[in-house]
Structure formats: C-alpha cells, structure tokens
Amino acid sequence: MGHINNNNGGETAVYNYVKRILKDIPGQTGFYYKRLDGSEIVAFNEDRIFYAASLIKIPILIEAFNRVRLGEMDFDKKYEVRNSDKVPSCGALAYMHDGLEVTLRDLCVLMIIHSDNTAANMLIRILGMGRINQTLIDREMYMTRLNRLLFDEEASAQGLENTVVLNELASLFEEMHNGRLISRKASIEMLDIFKLQHLNSKIPRLLPKGISIAHKTGEDQGITHDIGIVYARKPFLIGFLSNNTDVVAMENAISEISRFAYKRNCF
C-alpha cells in the first residue's frame, strides 16, 4: 500500500482503518485526508503521479475562472456545439443537436457536475492547453498536467496522458475553502459548482442524505478517483486515486473510508 504520512506521529484511528481497508486493493492507490482546521492529516502516495481521467477537469475549471477574472473572457459568451466537438461517454452535449449554443458558464457546470467530456474538450480549445498548464505552473504545481484532449486516441497511442497528483489537487480544494483560489468570489462559485455533483457513488454513497459535498470524480478502465470536501460538523478534505485497480473493490473502499471519516468529524 505504500508509506503513510501521519502528522500526529502515531497510528491514529484513521491511519489504522485506511491501512486495513486498502491493504488488499490491487494496483496503485493514493489517499489524502485532512481536517480543514489542520488538526489531523493522513496521506500516502500523495506525491505520486496518477493517470488523471476526469480529474483533469479541475484545472480546466480553474483556468476558466482565472480568465474571467483577468477580463479576457465572459461567462455569458455563447459557443456553438458542433458535431466535430462531440465525444462519447459522460455528459449530455454529445446527444444534443448540432448548432446548440451554450455559455462558457454552461460548459464549466456541465463539465463538473455531469463530467461532460464534450464540454471539457470545448473548454480546452477555448482556453488553450498551454494557458491551462501555465496557470498550474504559476501555482507551483509541476506534476498535474493536461497533455491531450479527452478521447484523443492518437495522442494516447503516442504516450501522452493527462496526470494528477493528490497533494496538488488537495491544495486546490483547500485554497478554495479558504477563499484564496483566484479570488474569494471565484472560490465560492467553484465550490458551489462542485457541490452540484451528480456522480455520487463513491465518497457520498454511504454518507447521510443532505450532507454538502464539493467533489469531483474520475473513471476509466482500471481507474477510479474521487476528491473533495465533506462539510461535516468539522469539515474535512478527502481524496482517493487509483490506477490499474479493481474498480468495484476500490469504490467500495472509498465509500467505507469516507463514512468512517465522516463519523469521526460529525461530533
């Protein structure tokens, strides 16, 4: 399972529970847990590079808000969805009529709450891959990287893959929570989008209904991820990455560990 970093210096309840649940999960796994008051952190493989799947949509969203803040773009500007934009799997835009007009904000919301791949690729083209990556570099994030469009089989065959690192993604959510990502207004608006997430079969699955959770998932063959903030009585950040894994077993583990963490923070 890998080394677990624990800021309390001993084997806490979270440390022991995570170690027991994840020890038999195949493939590469990463875990990050932090009470947002800073009183407890447990993490392992938090600086390991993983294939991103749909978690790469997080930096795309951040760049959209960055460009609006700079005055270079407008959330109300409309873009036409063309047949050539459409890619399979998650989302709704691939099934809509050619020529549909959607706003920049629509694309951002659909990309996150339904993990819409067509919306993501449109945003990559609108924002520019280089600018998205430069904003990551400006924030001293050197391993989370957008290297290709989604469903670009030619680029994938050449070995180009999008990558993420847990501690970098976790820092983005923590900065949003503290109102310091882009701006306080942008931080609040981005978290509000993540709270609308419709893909809730992992972190939220075993938590009480009505709990606010700002999170993003990622899925692909042998890959399942989820990361975000759970607004328990004591809010906490929790994240899971996995490559080459048993997806069903890992997703069950994500739900079980998230429930354990929630119970630990609801009193």
C-alpha atoms as a PDB file:
ATOM      1  CA  MET A   1       0.000   0.000   0.000  1.00  0.00           C
ATOM      2  CA  GLY A   2       2.929   2.344   0.478  1.00  0.00           C
ATOM      3  CA  HIS A   3       4.152   4.585   3.261  1.00  0.00           C
ATOM      4  CA  ILE A   4       1.534   6.557   5.173  1.00  0.00           C
ATOM      5  CA  ASN A   5       2.404  10.057   6.314  1.00  0.00           C
ATOM      6  CA  ASN A   6       0.630  10.928   9.530  1.00  0.00           C
ATOM      7  CA  ASN A   7       1.061  14.371  11.094  1.00  0.00           C
ATOM      8  CA  ASN A   8       0.250  13.076  14.565  1.00  0.00           C
ATOM      9  CA  GLY A   9       3.320  10.855  14.562  1.00  0.00           C
ATOM     10  CA  GLY A  10       1.464   7.728  15.652  1.00  0.00           C
ATOM     11  CA  GLU A  11      -1.009   5.207  14.368  1.00  0.00           C
ATOM     12  CA  THR A  12      -4.272   7.130  14.636  1.00  0.00           C
ATOM     13  CA  ALA A  13      -7.710   5.645  14.085  1.00  0.00           C
ATOM     14  CA  VAL A  14      -7.791   6.952  10.514  1.00  0.00           C
ATOM     15  CA  TYR A  15      -4.312   5.594   9.803  1.00  0.00           C
ATOM     16  CA  ASN A  16      -5.206   2.119  11.039  1.00  0.00           C
ATOM     17  CA  TYR A  17      -8.589   1.996   9.338  1.00  0.00           C
ATOM     18  CA  VAL A  18      -7.274   3.101   5.949  1.00  0.00           C
ATOM     19  CA  LYS A  19      -4.353   0.691   6.180  1.00  0.00           C
ATOM     20  CA  ARG A  20      -6.697  -2.204   6.872  1.00  0.00           C
ATOM     21  CA  ILE A  21      -9.244  -1.352   4.167  1.00  0.00           C
ATOM     22  CA  LEU A  22      -6.777  -0.623   1.359  1.00  0.00           C
ATOM     23  CA  LYS A  23      -4.098  -3.256   2.021  1.00  0.00           C
ATOM     24  CA  ASP A  24      -5.674  -5.801  -0.337  1.00  0.00           C
ATOM     25  CA  ILE A  25      -6.738  -3.389  -3.111  1.00  0.00           C
ATOM     26  CA  PRO A  26      -4.697  -4.174  -6.255  1.00  0.00           C
ATOM     27  CA  GLY A  27      -2.827  -1.657  -8.363  1.00  0.00           C
ATOM     28  CA  GLN A  28      -1.603   1.780  -7.334  1.00  0.00           C
ATOM     29  CA  THR A  29      -3.626   3.696  -4.766  1.00  0.00           C
ATOM     30  CA  GLY A  30      -3.284   7.086  -3.136  1.00  0.00           C
ATOM     31  CA  PHE A  31      -5.106   8.588  -0.166  1.00  0.00           C
ATOM     32  CA  TYR A  32      -5.353  12.051   1.379  1.00  0.00           C
ATOM     33  CA  TYR A  33      -7.313  13.126   4.437  1.00  0.00           C
ATOM     34  CA  LYS A  34      -7.139  16.451   6.247  1.00  0.00           C
ATOM     35  CA  ARG A  35      -9.336  18.139   8.798  1.00  0.00           C
ATOM     36  CA  LEU A  36      -9.610  21.659   7.475  1.00  0.00           C
ATOM     37  CA  ASP A  37      -8.737  23.079  10.871  1.00  0.00           C
ATOM     38  CA  GLY A  38      -5.354  21.406  10.339  1.00  0.00           C
ATOM     39  CA  SER A  39      -5.616  19.156  13.380  1.00  0.00           C
ATOM     40  CA  GLU A  40      -5.191  15.871  11.538  1.00  0.00           C
ATOM     41  CA  ILE A  41      -3.612  14.787   8.253  1.00  0.00           C
ATOM     42  CA  VAL A  42      -3.173  11.242   6.979  1.00  0.00           C
ATOM     43  CA  ALA A  43      -1.827  10.612   3.479  1.00  0.00           C
ATOM     44  CA  PHE A  44       0.067   8.131   1.367  1.00  0.00           C
ATOM     45  CA  ASN A  45       1.269   8.243  -2.224  1.00  0.00           C
ATOM     46  CA  GLU A  46       0.137  11.872  -2.092  1.00  0.00           C
ATOM     47  CA  ASP A  47       3.050  12.937  -4.315  1.00  0.00           C
ATOM     48  CA  ARG A  48       2.798  10.045  -6.794  1.00  0.00           C
ATOM     49  CA  ILE A  49       1.729  10.735 -10.384  1.00  0.00           C
ATOM     50  CA  PHE A  50      -1.517   9.050 -11.478  1.00  0.00           C
ATOM     51  CA  TYR A  51      -3.399   8.973 -14.769  1.00  0.00           C
ATOM     52  CA  ALA A  52      -5.965  11.713 -14.354  1.00  0.00           C
ATOM     53  CA  ALA A  53      -9.150  10.516 -16.062  1.00  0.00           C
ATOM     54  CA  SER A  54     -11.787  13.207 -15.412  1.00  0.00           C
ATOM     55  CA  LEU A  55      -9.920  14.841 -12.524  1.00  0.00           C
ATOM     56  CA  ILE A  56      -8.067  16.824 -15.182  1.00  0.00           C
ATOM     57  CA  LYS A  57     -11.297  18.822 -15.463  1.00  0.00           C
ATOM     58  CA  ILE A  58     -10.474  20.534 -12.151  1.00  0.00           C
ATOM     59  CA  PRO A  59      -7.598  22.654 -13.554  1.00  0.00           C
ATOM     60  CA  ILE A  60      -9.671  23.356 -16.677  1.00  0.00           C
ATOM     61  CA  LEU A  61     -12.394  24.863 -14.474  1.00  0.00           C
ATOM     62  CA  ILE A  62      -9.832  26.895 -12.551  1.00  0.00           C
ATOM     63  CA  GLU A  63      -8.392  28.345 -15.760  1.00  0.00           C
ATOM     64  CA  ALA A  64     -11.863  29.399 -16.934  1.00  0.00           C
ATOM     65  CA  PHE A  65     -12.379  31.346 -13.703  1.00  0.00           C
ATOM     66  CA  ASN A  66      -8.868  32.762 -13.971  1.00  0.00           C
ATOM     67  CA  ARG A  67      -9.517  34.116 -17.467  1.00  0.00           C
ATOM     68  CA  VAL A  68     -12.814  35.671 -16.440  1.00  0.00           C
ATOM     69  CA  ARG A  69     -11.055  37.358 -13.518  1.00  0.00           C
ATOM     70  CA  LEU A  70      -8.428  38.726 -15.922  1.00  0.00           C
ATOM     71  CA  GLY A  71     -11.215  40.165 -18.065  1.00  0.00           C
ATOM     72  CA  GLU A  72     -10.214  38.060 -21.061  1.00  0.00           C
ATOM     73  CA  MET A  73     -13.422  36.033 -21.108  1.00  0.00           C
ATOM     74  CA  ASP A  74     -17.082  36.338 -20.162  1.00  0.00           C
ATOM     75  CA  PHE A  75     -19.146  33.570 -18.576  1.00  0.00           C
ATOM     76  CA  ASP A  76     -22.153  34.702 -20.640  1.00  0.00           C
ATOM     77  CA  LYS A  77     -20.427  34.376 -24.017  1.00  0.00           C
ATOM     78  CA  LYS A  78     -22.037  31.680 -26.156  1.00  0.00           C
ATOM     79  CA  TYR A  79     -20.308  28.911 -28.071  1.00  0.00           C
ATOM     80  CA  GLU A  80     -21.761  26.630 -30.715  1.00  0.00           C
ATOM     81  CA  VAL A  81     -21.612  22.878 -30.146  1.00  0.00           C
ATOM     82  CA  ARG A  82     -20.601  21.299 -33.447  1.00  0.00           C
ATOM     83  CA  ASN A  83     -20.670  17.655 -34.412  1.00  0.00           C
ATOM     84  CA  SER A  84     -16.862  17.660 -34.516  1.00  0.00           C
ATOM     85  CA  ASP A  85     -16.785  18.677 -30.825  1.00  0.00           C
ATOM     86  CA  LYS A  86     -18.731  15.660 -29.653  1.00  0.00           C
ATOM     87  CA  VAL A  87     -17.014  12.764 -27.869  1.00  0.00           C
ATOM     88  CA  PRO A  88     -18.521   9.722 -26.126  1.00  0.00           C
ATOM     89  CA  SER A  89     -19.356   8.767 -22.592  1.00  0.00           C
ATOM     90  CA  CYS A  90     -20.254  11.113 -19.743  1.00  0.00           C
ATOM     91  CA  GLY A  91     -22.413  14.167 -20.256  1.00  0.00           C
ATOM     92  CA  ALA A  92     -25.294  15.484 -22.316  1.00  0.00           C
ATOM     93  CA  LEU A  93     -23.810  17.662 -25.053  1.00  0.00           C
ATOM     94  CA  ALA A  94     -22.889  14.722 -27.281  1.00  0.00           C
ATOM     95  CA  TYR A  95     -26.592  13.927 -27.581  1.00  0.00           C
ATOM     96  CA  MET A  96     -27.785  17.459 -28.324  1.00  0.00           C
ATOM     97  CA  HIS A  97     -28.496  18.862 -31.809  1.00  0.00           C
ATOM     98  CA  ASP A  98     -25.674  20.357 -33.841  1.00  0.00           C
ATOM     99  CA  GLY A  99     -25.549  24.116 -33.541  1.00  0.00           C
ATOM    100  CA  LEU A 100     -26.744  24.249 -29.948  1.00  0.00           C
ATOM    101  CA  GLU A 101     -25.423  27.378 -28.243  1.00  0.00           C
ATOM    102  CA  VAL A 102     -24.138  27.166 -24.679  1.00  0.00           C
ATOM    103  CA  THR A 103     -22.426  29.756 -22.495  1.00  0.00           C
ATOM    104  CA  LEU A 104     -18.946  29.489 -21.050  1.00  0.00           C
ATOM    105  CA  ARG A 105     -20.563  29.006 -17.642  1.00  0.00           C
ATOM    106  CA  ASP A 106     -22.772  26.217 -19.032  1.00  0.00           C
ATOM    107  CA  LEU A 107     -19.676  24.403 -20.279  1.00  0.00           C
ATOM    108  CA  CYS A 108     -17.994  24.734 -16.869  1.00  0.00           C
ATOM    109  CA  VAL A 109     -21.022  23.462 -14.963  1.00  0.00           C
ATOM    110  CA  LEU A 110     -21.688  20.531 -17.307  1.00  0.00           C
ATOM    111  CA  MET A 111     -18.000  19.541 -17.273  1.00  0.00           C
ATOM    112  CA  ILE A 112     -18.037  19.219 -13.496  1.00  0.00           C
ATOM    113  CA  ILE A 113     -21.494  18.067 -12.407  1.00  0.00           C
ATOM    114  CA  HIS A 114     -22.027  15.559 -15.249  1.00  0.00           C
ATOM    115  CA  SER A 115     -18.330  15.163 -16.140  1.00  0.00           C
ATOM    116  CA  ASP A 116     -19.271  16.136 -19.696  1.00  0.00           C
ATOM    117  CA  ASN A 117     -16.360  15.219 -21.968  1.00  0.00           C
ATOM    118  CA  THR A 118     -17.584  17.305 -24.892  1.00  0.00           C
ATOM    119  CA  ALA A 119     -17.762  20.351 -22.632  1.00  0.00           C
ATOM    120  CA  ALA A 120     -14.243  19.618 -21.368  1.00  0.00           C
ATOM    121  CA  ASN A 121     -12.750  19.397 -24.850  1.00  0.00           C
ATOM    122  CA  MET A 122     -14.531  22.572 -25.935  1.00  0.00           C
ATOM    123  CA  LEU A 123     -13.094  24.372 -22.913  1.00  0.00           C
ATOM    124  CA  ILE A 124      -9.586  23.079 -23.627  1.00  0.00           C
ATOM    125  CA  ARG A 125      -9.813  24.514 -27.142  1.00  0.00           C
ATOM    126  CA  ILE A 126     -11.326  27.806 -25.937  1.00  0.00           C
ATOM    127  CA  LEU A 127      -8.839  28.309 -23.079  1.00  0.00           C
ATOM    128  CA  GLY A 128      -5.748  26.759 -24.670  1.00  0.00           C
ATOM    129  CA  MET A 129      -3.829  23.810 -23.280  1.00  0.00           C
ATOM    130  CA  GLY A 130      -0.712  25.892 -22.783  1.00  0.00           C
ATOM    131  CA  ARG A 131      -2.521  28.511 -20.706  1.00  0.00           C
ATOM    132  CA  ILE A 132      -4.154  25.858 -18.520  1.00  0.00           C
ATOM    133  CA  ASN A 133      -0.769  24.294 -17.801  1.00  0.00           C
ATOM    134  CA  GLN A 134       0.912  27.666 -17.254  1.00  0.00           C
ATOM    135  CA  THR A 135      -1.619  28.509 -14.543  1.00  0.00           C
ATOM    136  CA  LEU A 136      -0.712  25.225 -12.822  1.00  0.00           C
ATOM    137  CA  ILE A 137       2.986  26.104 -13.051  1.00  0.00           C
ATOM    138  CA  ASP A 138       2.272  29.603 -11.704  1.00  0.00           C
ATOM    139  CA  ARG A 139       0.711  27.908  -8.668  1.00  0.00           C
ATOM    140  CA  GLU A 140       3.865  25.745  -8.278  1.00  0.00           C
ATOM    141  CA  MET A 141       2.074  22.609  -9.434  1.00  0.00           C
ATOM    142  CA  TYR A 142       4.522  20.719 -11.599  1.00  0.00           C
ATOM    143  CA  MET A 143       3.099  17.202 -11.883  1.00  0.00           C
ATOM    144  CA  THR A 144      -0.604  17.746 -12.516  1.00  0.00           C
ATOM    145  CA  ARG A 145      -0.642  18.314 -16.250  1.00  0.00           C
ATOM    146  CA  LEU A 146      -3.032  18.485 -19.227  1.00  0.00           C
ATOM    147  CA  ASN A 147      -1.257  16.787 -22.125  1.00  0.00           C
ATOM    148  CA  ARG A 148      -4.073  15.919 -24.514  1.00  0.00           C
ATOM    149  CA  LEU A 149      -7.756  16.245 -25.266  1.00  0.00           C
ATOM    150  CA  LEU A 150     -10.125  13.631 -23.859  1.00  0.00           C
ATOM    151  CA  PHE A 151     -10.651  10.673 -26.203  1.00  0.00           C
ATOM    152  CA  ASP A 152      -7.643  11.663 -28.312  1.00  0.00           C
ATOM    153  CA  GLU A 153      -6.618   8.116 -29.212  1.00  0.00           C
ATOM    154  CA  GLU A 154      -3.756   9.214 -31.449  1.00  0.00           C
ATOM    155  CA  ALA A 155      -2.134  11.256 -28.667  1.00  0.00           C
ATOM    156  CA  SER A 156      -2.730   8.446 -26.184  1.00  0.00           C
ATOM    157  CA  ALA A 157      -1.047   5.957 -28.542  1.00  0.00           C
ATOM    158  CA  GLN A 158       1.984   8.269 -28.539  1.00  0.00           C
ATOM    159  CA  GLY A 159       2.137   8.022 -24.743  1.00  0.00           C
ATOM    160  CA  LEU A 160       0.584  11.404 -23.965  1.00  0.00           C
ATOM    161  CA  GLU A 161      -1.593  11.131 -20.867  1.00  0.00           C
ATOM    162  CA  ASN A 162      -3.132  13.658 -18.510  1.00  0.00           C
ATOM    163  CA  THR A 163      -1.742  13.357 -14.995  1.00  0.00           C
ATOM    164  CA  VAL A 164      -2.681  14.386 -11.468  1.00  0.00           C
ATOM    165  CA  VAL A 165      -1.079  14.300  -8.040  1.00  0.00           C
ATOM    166  CA  LEU A 166      -3.097  14.108  -4.831  1.00  0.00           C
ATOM    167  CA  ASN A 167      -1.333  16.765  -2.816  1.00  0.00           C
ATOM    168  CA  GLU A 168      -1.644  19.262  -5.677  1.00  0.00           C
ATOM    169  CA  LEU A 169      -5.375  18.623  -6.126  1.00  0.00           C
ATOM    170  CA  ALA A 170      -5.899  18.728  -2.367  1.00  0.00           C
ATOM    171  CA  SER A 171      -4.184  22.109  -2.170  1.00  0.00           C
ATOM    172  CA  LEU A 172      -6.578  23.484  -4.798  1.00  0.00           C
ATOM    173  CA  PHE A 173      -9.618  22.436  -2.782  1.00  0.00           C
ATOM    174  CA  GLU A 174      -8.096  23.802   0.407  1.00  0.00           C
ATOM    175  CA  GLU A 175      -7.377  27.137  -1.280  1.00  0.00           C
ATOM    176  CA  MET A 176     -10.974  27.263  -2.495  1.00  0.00           C
ATOM    177  CA  HIS A 177     -12.176  26.533   1.038  1.00  0.00           C
ATOM    178  CA  ASN A 178     -10.033  29.383   2.352  1.00  0.00           C
ATOM    179  CA  GLY A 179     -11.228  31.765  -0.385  1.00  0.00           C
ATOM    180  CA  ARG A 180      -7.769  32.134  -1.899  1.00  0.00           C
ATOM    181  CA  LEU A 181      -8.059  30.367  -5.277  1.00  0.00           C
ATOM    182  CA  ILE A 182      -8.285  33.051  -7.997  1.00  0.00           C
ATOM    183  CA  SER A 183     -10.388  35.247  -5.674  1.00  0.00           C
ATOM    184  CA  ARG A 184     -12.801  34.817  -2.796  1.00  0.00           C
ATOM    185  CA  LYS A 185     -15.763  35.186  -5.174  1.00  0.00           C
ATOM    186  CA  ALA A 186     -14.312  32.667  -7.635  1.00  0.00           C
ATOM    187  CA  SER A 187     -13.533  30.210  -4.810  1.00  0.00           C
ATOM    188  CA  ILE A 188     -17.129  30.324  -3.580  1.00  0.00           C
ATOM    189  CA  GLU A 189     -18.552  29.949  -7.092  1.00  0.00           C
ATOM    190  CA  MET A 190     -16.293  26.997  -7.933  1.00  0.00           C
ATOM    191  CA  LEU A 191     -17.175  25.196  -4.704  1.00  0.00           C
ATOM    192  CA  ASP A 192     -20.855  25.808  -5.453  1.00  0.00           C
ATOM    193  CA  ILE A 193     -20.382  24.026  -8.785  1.00  0.00           C
ATOM    194  CA  PHE A 194     -18.591  21.070  -7.159  1.00  0.00           C
ATOM    195  CA  LYS A 195     -21.449  20.812  -4.623  1.00  0.00           C
ATOM    196  CA  LEU A 196     -23.873  20.194  -7.526  1.00  0.00           C
ATOM    197  CA  GLN A 197     -22.017  16.992  -8.462  1.00  0.00           C
ATOM    198  CA  HIS A 198     -24.370  14.308  -9.827  1.00  0.00           C
ATOM    199  CA  LEU A 199     -21.841  11.435  -9.812  1.00  0.00           C
ATOM    200  CA  ASN A 200     -22.164  10.402  -6.184  1.00  0.00           C
ATOM    201  CA  SER A 201     -21.436   6.675  -5.994  1.00  0.00           C
ATOM    202  CA  LYS A 202     -18.096   6.961  -4.171  1.00  0.00           C
ATOM    203  CA  ILE A 203     -17.367   9.478  -1.359  1.00  0.00           C
ATOM    204  CA  PRO A 204     -21.057  10.383  -0.782  1.00  0.00           C
ATOM    205  CA  ARG A 205     -22.593   6.910  -1.213  1.00  0.00           C
ATOM    206  CA  LEU A 206     -22.731   5.879   2.464  1.00  0.00           C
ATOM    207  CA  LEU A 207     -22.994   9.355   3.968  1.00  0.00           C
ATOM    208  CA  PRO A 208     -26.279  10.785   5.297  1.00  0.00           C
ATOM    209  CA  LYS A 209     -28.516  12.387   2.690  1.00  0.00           C
ATOM    210  CA  GLY A 210     -28.348  16.145   2.647  1.00  0.00           C
ATOM    211  CA  ILE A 211     -24.680  16.440   3.614  1.00  0.00           C
ATOM    212  CA  SER A 212     -22.988  19.056   1.443  1.00  0.00           C
ATOM    213  CA  ILE A 213     -20.040  17.622  -0.501  1.00  0.00           C
ATOM    214  CA  ALA A 214     -17.948  19.548  -3.040  1.00  0.00           C
ATOM    215  CA  HIS A 215     -16.136  16.919  -5.079  1.00  0.00           C
ATOM    216  CA  LYS A 216     -15.067  15.577  -8.476  1.00  0.00           C
ATOM    217  CA  THR A 217     -14.754  12.010  -9.666  1.00  0.00           C
ATOM    218  CA  GLY A 218     -12.691  10.339 -12.374  1.00  0.00           C
ATOM    219  CA  GLU A 219     -13.198   6.991 -14.083  1.00  0.00           C
ATOM    220  CA  ASP A 220     -11.616   4.933 -16.846  1.00  0.00           C
ATOM    221  CA  GLN A 221     -10.588   1.340 -17.406  1.00  0.00           C
ATOM    222  CA  GLY A 222      -8.862   0.221 -14.207  1.00  0.00           C
ATOM    223  CA  ILE A 223      -9.089   3.780 -12.843  1.00  0.00           C
ATOM    224  CA  THR A 224     -11.369   5.306 -10.222  1.00  0.00           C
ATOM    225  CA  HIS A 225     -10.844   8.574  -8.342  1.00  0.00           C
ATOM    226  CA  ASP A 226     -12.770  10.939  -6.086  1.00  0.00           C
ATOM    227  CA  ILE A 227     -11.636  14.030  -4.185  1.00  0.00           C
ATOM    228  CA  GLY A 228     -13.297  16.912  -2.426  1.00  0.00           C
ATOM    229  CA  ILE A 229     -14.550  18.498   0.774  1.00  0.00           C
ATOM    230  CA  VAL A 230     -17.149  16.937   3.061  1.00  0.00           C
ATOM    231  CA  TYR A 231     -18.973  19.585   5.104  1.00  0.00           C
ATOM    232  CA  ALA A 232     -19.418  17.585   8.275  1.00  0.00           C
ATOM    233  CA  ARG A 233     -19.617  19.395  11.609  1.00  0.00           C
ATOM    234  CA  LYS A 234     -15.830  19.502  11.296  1.00  0.00           C
ATOM    235  CA  PRO A 235     -15.236  19.916   7.543  1.00  0.00           C
ATOM    236  CA  PHE A 236     -12.575  17.684   6.047  1.00  0.00           C
ATOM    237  CA  LEU A 237     -10.847  17.145   2.730  1.00  0.00           C
ATOM    238  CA  ILE A 238     -10.648  13.584   1.463  1.00  0.00           C
ATOM    239  CA  GLY A 239      -9.238  12.168  -1.765  1.00  0.00           C
ATOM    240  CA  PHE A 240      -8.590   8.842  -3.438  1.00  0.00           C
ATOM    241  CA  LEU A 241      -6.626   8.000  -6.593  1.00  0.00           C
ATOM    242  CA  SER A 242      -6.200   4.564  -8.138  1.00  0.00           C
ATOM    243  CA  ASN A 243      -4.695   3.165 -11.329  1.00  0.00           C
ATOM    244  CA  ASN A 244      -4.677  -0.456 -12.577  1.00  0.00           C
ATOM    245  CA  THR A 245      -7.097  -1.374  -9.814  1.00  0.00           C
ATOM    246  CA  ASP A 246     -10.188  -3.469  -9.203  1.00  0.00           C
ATOM    247  CA  VAL A 247     -12.663  -0.632  -9.699  1.00  0.00           C
ATOM    248  CA  VAL A 248     -15.562  -2.211  -7.789  1.00  0.00           C
ATOM    249  CA  ALA A 249     -13.380  -3.097  -4.799  1.00  0.00           C
ATOM    250  CA  MET A 250     -11.756   0.342  -4.773  1.00  0.00           C
ATOM    251  CA  GLU A 251     -15.061   2.178  -4.997  1.00  0.00           C
ATOM    252  CA  ASN A 252     -16.422   0.152  -2.085  1.00  0.00           C
ATOM    253  CA  ALA A 253     -13.293   1.071  -0.133  1.00  0.00           C
ATOM    254  CA  ILE A 254     -13.737   4.763  -0.998  1.00  0.00           C
ATOM    255  CA  SER A 255     -17.293   4.683   0.350  1.00  0.00           C
ATOM    256  CA  GLU A 256     -16.363   2.808   3.527  1.00  0.00           C
ATOM    257  CA  ILE A 257     -13.408   5.041   4.371  1.00  0.00           C
ATOM    258  CA  SER A 258     -15.425   8.184   3.634  1.00  0.00           C
ATOM    259  CA  ARG A 259     -18.167   7.021   6.018  1.00  0.00           C
ATOM    260  CA  PHE A 260     -15.563   6.320   8.705  1.00  0.00           C
ATOM    261  CA  ALA A 261     -14.027   9.775   8.217  1.00  0.00           C
ATOM    262  CA  TYR A 262     -17.444  11.426   8.337  1.00  0.00           C
ATOM    263  CA  LYS A 263     -18.380   9.737  11.609  1.00  0.00           C
ATOM    264  CA  ARG A 264     -15.077  10.909  13.038  1.00  0.00           C
ATOM    265  CA  ASN A 265     -15.936  14.508  12.159  1.00  0.00           C
ATOM    266  CA  CYS A 266     -19.653  14.802  12.891  1.00  0.00           C
ATOM    267  CA  PHE A 267     -19.494  15.364  16.654  1.00  0.00           C
END
